[in-house]
Amino acid sequence: MLRRFLGENRVLYAILILIIVLTLVSTIIAIMPTNTPYSPFNNNPQGYSKLTEILKVRLTRECPGSLEATIIPLLKPLSESEALTLIEYVGRGGTLLILDNGGFSNIILQTLGLNVTVNSYIVLDPAFNLGSRFDIIAYSGSLKGLALSTPKAINVSDPRVTVLAYSSPLSYIDINGNNLYDVGEPLGPFPLAIKVYYGEGVILIAGDPMVFSNKLIDRSVNTKLAEDLGLEVSLCGSHASYSILDYIKSFHQASAESEVTALTALVLSLSLALVVLRVAERS
């Protein structure tokens, strides 16, 4: 009887199978972590999954995002038009946190006419750290205690810019990249994070995308920096290396919040299939 029913209702049968398959795929995507650095779906030390426990994070290709606060891990150069777009966003009242991995935000600072540059060399500290000269702790400033991993120093010679965090006097810039201090290499303290107001908004810059990583976010100062951004932020992916899976998961996350979760959809689909098959058996 069941075989005859399915044979006579092939379209219905195909639809049920398709629903089940799509729901299973959706569920797998929802629970599958990624290995992309700085991804809100990455549970590894370089990931941002713990950040999502503090803030509602919206990963987006658009930069800046549509929300009042935007985080941008800056791993690639900005074009002049992209820099102007970000500046306009801040001027309208946006909060822009740039996590600069090597001087890529300098085009914004120059466009604003500020005498500030983000260095491309890393700062190491053999004394004030988390057990390694690479994972250092801010020695002074309003963000004293902020943890950073191989951050870039920021050269500041402008009274309009507020330095939020300095490295210790024992820190140094590793010019030759051998991870050791050599005679002639600059000694600290160095600015590690800054703030500048523009228009109705504010720009924050830290020379390290690892500030919000799972490795460091549990530090109270790092957590407070995230909390101060608000309840919901856009995470701009245009200048990082997020994968297609990251964006699919982000879309799935947004859909799940506005409708039913993938797990609920799976249960409903399976229940519907069982009901149809039971009716067919009794026919």
Protein backbone atom coordinates (compact mmCIF):
# COMPACT_ATOMS: atom_id res chain seq x y z
CA MET A 1 0.00 0.00 0.00
CA LEU A 2 2.79 2.41 0.92
CA ARG A 3 4.67 1.61 -2.28
CA ARG A 4 1.54 2.29 -4.33
CA PHE A 5 0.94 5.59 -2.51
CA LEU A 6 4.48 6.77 -3.10
CA GLY A 7 4.33 5.71 -6.71
CA GLU A 8 1.16 7.73 -7.21
CA ASN A 9 2.52 10.75 -5.32
CA ARG A 10 6.07 11.05 -6.54
CA VAL A 11 6.04 14.85 -6.42
CA LEU A 12 4.97 14.85 -2.77
CA TYR A 13 7.57 12.22 -1.99
CA ALA A 14 10.30 14.25 -3.70
CA ILE A 15 9.28 17.39 -1.81
CA LEU A 16 9.45 15.58 1.52
CA ILE A 17 12.90 14.21 0.73
CA LEU A 18 14.09 17.65 -0.37
CA ILE A 19 12.79 19.26 2.84
CA ILE A 20 14.55 16.68 4.98
CA VAL A 21 17.84 16.97 3.06
CA LEU A 22 17.85 20.78 3.12
CA THR A 23 17.02 20.85 6.81
CA LEU A 24 19.78 18.36 7.59
CA VAL A 25 22.30 20.43 5.61
CA SER A 26 21.14 23.58 7.37
CA THR A 27 21.52 21.93 10.77
CA ILE A 28 25.03 20.69 9.94
CA ILE A 29 26.07 24.17 8.78
CA ALA A 30 24.66 25.69 11.95
CA ILE A 31 26.69 23.49 14.29
CA MET A 32 29.87 23.21 12.21
CA PRO A 33 32.67 25.51 13.50
CA THR A 34 35.15 27.19 11.18
CA ASN A 35 38.91 27.68 11.41
CA THR A 36 38.94 31.19 9.94
CA PRO A 37 40.99 33.65 12.03
CA TYR A 38 38.83 36.27 13.76
CA SER A 39 35.60 34.50 12.81
CA PRO A 40 32.69 34.58 15.28
CA PHE A 41 32.18 30.89 14.42
CA ASN A 42 35.76 29.84 15.20
CA ASN A 43 36.21 28.27 18.65
CA ASN A 44 40.00 28.16 18.43
CA PRO A 45 42.35 30.69 20.10
CA GLN A 46 42.33 32.97 17.02
CA GLY A 47 38.55 32.88 16.73
CA TYR A 48 35.98 35.39 17.95
CA SER A 49 33.34 32.95 19.20
CA LYS A 50 33.63 34.21 22.80
CA LEU A 51 32.97 37.74 21.55
CA THR A 52 29.50 36.57 20.52
CA GLU A 53 28.81 35.75 24.17
CA ILE A 54 29.38 39.42 25.03
CA LEU A 55 27.85 41.14 22.01
CA LYS A 56 25.46 40.30 19.22
CA VAL A 57 27.91 40.15 16.29
CA ARG A 58 26.71 40.56 12.70
CA LEU A 59 29.30 39.40 10.17
CA THR A 60 28.88 41.39 6.97
CA ARG A 61 30.69 41.95 3.70
CA GLU A 62 29.61 45.58 3.77
CA CYS A 63 31.97 48.00 5.43
CA PRO A 64 30.91 49.76 7.52
CA GLY A 65 27.90 47.79 8.66
CA SER A 66 24.40 49.16 9.17
CA LEU A 67 24.70 49.29 12.96
CA GLU A 68 25.96 52.13 15.16
CA ALA A 69 29.22 50.29 15.93
CA THR A 70 31.50 48.47 13.50
CA ILE A 71 34.58 46.32 14.15
CA ILE A 72 36.96 45.89 11.23
CA PRO A 73 39.91 43.48 11.45
CA LEU A 74 42.16 45.25 8.97
CA LEU A 75 44.44 42.73 7.27
CA LYS A 76 44.48 44.34 3.82
CA PRO A 77 44.96 47.89 2.49
CA LEU A 78 42.02 50.26 2.22
CA SER A 79 41.37 52.14 -0.98
CA GLU A 80 40.84 55.89 -0.89
CA SER A 81 37.10 55.49 -1.51
CA GLU A 82 36.80 52.86 1.24
CA ALA A 83 38.61 55.15 3.68
CA LEU A 84 36.25 58.02 2.82
CA THR A 85 33.22 55.77 3.32
CA LEU A 86 34.43 54.81 6.79
CA ILE A 87 35.15 58.44 7.67
CA GLU A 88 31.64 59.45 6.57
CA TYR A 89 30.20 56.66 8.72
CA VAL A 90 32.01 58.02 11.77
CA GLY A 91 31.02 61.59 10.94
CA ARG A 92 27.36 60.56 11.04
CA GLY A 93 27.76 59.21 14.56
CA GLY A 94 29.20 55.73 14.07
CA THR A 95 31.72 54.07 16.33
CA LEU A 96 34.51 52.45 14.32
CA LEU A 97 36.97 50.08 15.98
CA ILE A 98 39.87 49.28 13.66
CA LEU A 99 42.03 46.30 14.60
CA ASP A 100 45.01 47.11 12.40
CA ASN A 101 47.43 44.35 11.49
CA GLY A 102 50.13 46.51 9.94
CA GLY A 103 49.50 50.17 9.16
CA PHE A 104 46.50 49.68 6.86
CA SER A 105 44.50 52.36 8.71
CA ASN A 106 47.09 55.05 8.00
CA ILE A 107 45.16 56.20 4.94
CA ILE A 108 42.26 57.14 7.25
CA LEU A 109 44.55 58.98 9.65
CA GLN A 110 46.23 60.85 6.80
CA THR A 111 42.90 61.79 5.24
CA LEU A 112 41.84 63.27 8.57
CA GLY A 113 45.07 65.27 8.66
CA LEU A 114 46.31 63.59 11.83
CA ASN A 115 49.99 63.25 12.63
CA VAL A 116 49.59 59.59 13.55
CA THR A 117 50.80 56.37 11.93
CA VAL A 118 50.39 52.71 12.78
CA ASN A 119 53.71 50.89 12.59
CA SER A 120 54.26 47.67 10.66
CA TYR A 121 56.73 46.28 13.23
CA ILE A 122 55.62 44.30 16.27
CA VAL A 123 56.09 45.27 19.91
CA LEU A 124 57.45 42.62 22.28
CA ASP A 125 57.70 42.83 26.06
CA PRO A 126 59.85 40.46 28.15
CA ALA A 127 58.43 41.71 31.46
CA PHE A 128 54.77 42.78 31.29
CA ASN A 129 53.14 39.88 29.51
CA LEU A 130 50.95 36.79 29.82
CA GLY A 131 53.86 34.37 30.05
CA SER A 132 55.36 35.19 26.68
CA ARG A 133 57.01 38.30 25.24
CA PHE A 134 54.55 38.01 22.34
CA ASP A 135 51.38 38.32 24.45
CA ILE A 136 51.85 41.63 26.18
CA ILE A 137 49.84 43.67 28.67
CA ALA A 138 49.27 47.42 28.42
CA TYR A 139 51.33 49.05 31.16
CA SER A 140 49.47 52.35 31.43
CA GLY A 141 46.58 54.41 30.06
CA SER A 142 42.82 54.13 30.48
CA LEU A 143 43.05 50.64 28.96
CA LYS A 144 45.80 49.57 31.34
CA GLY A 145 45.79 45.77 31.49
CA LEU A 146 44.60 45.35 27.90
CA ALA A 147 46.07 42.16 26.45
CA LEU A 148 47.49 42.13 22.92
CA SER A 149 49.39 39.56 20.88
CA THR A 150 52.36 40.87 18.86
CA PRO A 151 50.74 44.30 18.49
CA LYS A 152 51.93 47.09 16.24
CA ALA A 153 53.16 50.33 17.81
CA ILE A 154 51.33 53.56 16.98
CA ASN A 155 53.32 56.75 16.46
CA VAL A 156 51.32 59.65 17.91
CA SER A 157 52.30 63.33 17.60
CA ASP A 158 48.90 64.99 17.54
CA PRO A 159 47.08 66.61 20.49
CA ARG A 160 43.68 65.67 19.00
CA VAL A 161 44.43 62.00 19.52
CA THR A 162 44.01 60.28 22.89
CA VAL A 163 46.30 57.37 23.68
CA LEU A 164 44.32 54.68 25.51
CA ALA A 165 47.10 52.16 26.17
CA TYR A 166 50.89 52.22 26.39
CA SER A 167 53.35 49.34 26.51
CA SER A 168 55.87 49.19 29.34
CA PRO A 169 59.29 50.92 29.39
CA LEU A 170 60.85 47.46 28.93
CA SER A 171 59.06 46.77 25.68
CA TYR A 172 60.81 47.12 22.33
CA ILE A 173 60.05 47.24 18.63
CA ASP A 174 61.47 44.16 16.92
CA ILE A 175 62.88 45.86 13.83
CA ASN A 176 64.83 42.88 12.45
CA GLY A 177 62.14 40.31 13.27
CA ASN A 178 64.34 37.92 15.26
CA ASN A 179 62.00 38.08 18.32
CA LEU A 180 64.89 39.31 20.50
CA TYR A 181 66.05 42.72 21.62
CA ASP A 182 69.05 44.01 19.70
CA VAL A 183 71.08 47.12 20.47
CA GLY A 184 69.60 50.05 18.62
CA GLU A 185 66.02 48.80 18.54
CA PRO A 186 63.57 51.37 20.01
CA LEU A 187 62.57 50.91 23.63
CA GLY A 188 59.12 51.68 25.07
CA PRO A 189 56.75 52.85 26.13
CA PHE A 190 54.78 52.82 22.87
CA PRO A 191 51.12 53.70 22.20
CA LEU A 192 49.13 50.53 21.51
CA ALA A 193 45.58 51.87 21.23
CA ILE A 194 44.20 55.32 20.42
CA LYS A 195 40.93 57.23 20.15
CA VAL A 196 40.02 60.21 18.01
CA TYR A 197 36.67 61.95 17.69
CA TYR A 198 35.40 63.00 14.30
CA GLY A 199 32.05 64.63 13.60
CA GLU A 200 29.40 62.90 15.67
CA GLY A 201 31.36 59.67 16.07
CA VAL A 202 34.62 58.18 17.22
CA ILE A 203 37.44 56.08 15.78
CA LEU A 204 39.27 53.58 17.96
CA ILE A 205 42.42 51.90 16.69
CA ALA A 206 44.39 49.04 18.22
CA GLY A 207 47.34 47.53 16.42
CA ASP A 208 46.21 43.94 16.88
CA PRO A 209 43.22 41.89 15.60
CA MET A 210 43.80 39.43 18.46
CA VAL A 211 42.36 41.87 21.02
CA PHE A 212 38.94 40.18 20.78
CA SER A 213 40.26 36.66 20.16
CA ASN A 214 39.22 33.71 22.31
CA LYS A 215 42.79 33.69 23.57
CA LEU A 216 42.58 37.18 25.09
CA ILE A 217 38.93 38.24 25.38
CA ASP A 218 38.59 36.85 28.91
CA ARG A 219 40.87 39.60 30.20
CA SER A 220 38.61 42.07 32.02
CA VAL A 221 39.89 45.10 30.10
CA ASN A 222 39.42 43.37 26.75
CA THR A 223 35.90 42.37 27.76
CA LYS A 224 35.12 45.93 28.89
CA LEU A 225 36.36 47.33 25.56
CA ALA A 226 33.92 45.04 23.76
CA GLU A 227 31.03 45.87 26.10
CA ASP A 228 31.55 49.59 25.59
CA LEU A 229 30.74 49.18 21.88
CA GLY A 230 27.09 48.51 22.69
CA LEU A 231 24.79 45.51 22.53
CA GLU A 232 25.13 44.78 18.82
CA VAL A 233 27.99 45.38 16.38
CA SER A 234 28.78 44.79 12.73
CA LEU A 235 31.91 42.74 12.08
CA CYS A 236 33.20 43.91 8.74
CA GLY A 237 34.73 41.11 6.69
CA SER A 238 35.80 43.05 3.61
CA HIS A 239 39.44 43.31 4.67
CA ALA A 240 39.90 39.99 6.42
CA SER A 241 39.86 36.47 4.99
CA TYR A 242 36.48 35.09 6.00
CA SER A 243 35.31 31.98 4.17
CA ILE A 244 32.07 31.29 2.34
CA LEU A 245 31.11 29.03 5.24
CA ASP A 246 31.43 31.98 7.65
CA TYR A 247 29.01 34.06 5.59
CA ILE A 248 26.59 31.15 5.16
CA LYS A 249 26.60 30.59 8.91
CA SER A 250 26.04 34.31 9.48
CA PHE A 251 23.04 34.27 7.12
CA HIS A 252 21.73 31.13 8.80
CA GLN A 253 22.15 32.75 12.22
CA ALA A 254 20.14 35.80 11.19
CA SER A 255 17.41 33.62 9.69
CA ALA A 256 17.22 31.47 12.81
CA GLU A 257 16.72 34.52 15.02
CA SER A 258 13.84 35.83 12.93
CA GLU A 259 12.11 32.52 12.27
CA VAL A 260 12.56 29.02 13.70
CA THR A 261 15.85 27.37 14.49
CA ALA A 262 17.32 24.73 12.23
CA LEU A 263 16.72 22.05 14.85
CA THR A 264 13.05 23.02 15.15
CA ALA A 265 12.72 22.97 11.38
CA LEU A 266 14.26 19.51 11.26
CA VAL A 267 11.83 18.18 13.87
CA LEU A 268 8.86 19.70 12.04
CA SER A 269 10.00 18.27 8.70
CA LEU A 270 10.49 14.78 10.09
CA SER A 271 7.15 14.93 11.87
CA LEU A 272 5.42 15.97 8.67
CA ALA A 273 7.06 13.15 6.76
CA LEU A 274 6.01 10.59 9.38
CA VAL A 275 2.42 11.83 9.35
CA VAL A 276 2.21 11.59 5.57
CA LEU A 277 3.71 8.10 5.54
CA ARG A 278 1.38 6.91 8.31
CA VAL A 279 -1.63 8.20 6.40
CA ALA A 280 -0.36 6.42 3.30
CA GLU A 281 -0.05 3.12 5.17
CA ARG A 282 -3.67 3.33 6.30
CA SER A 283 -4.98 4.24 2.86
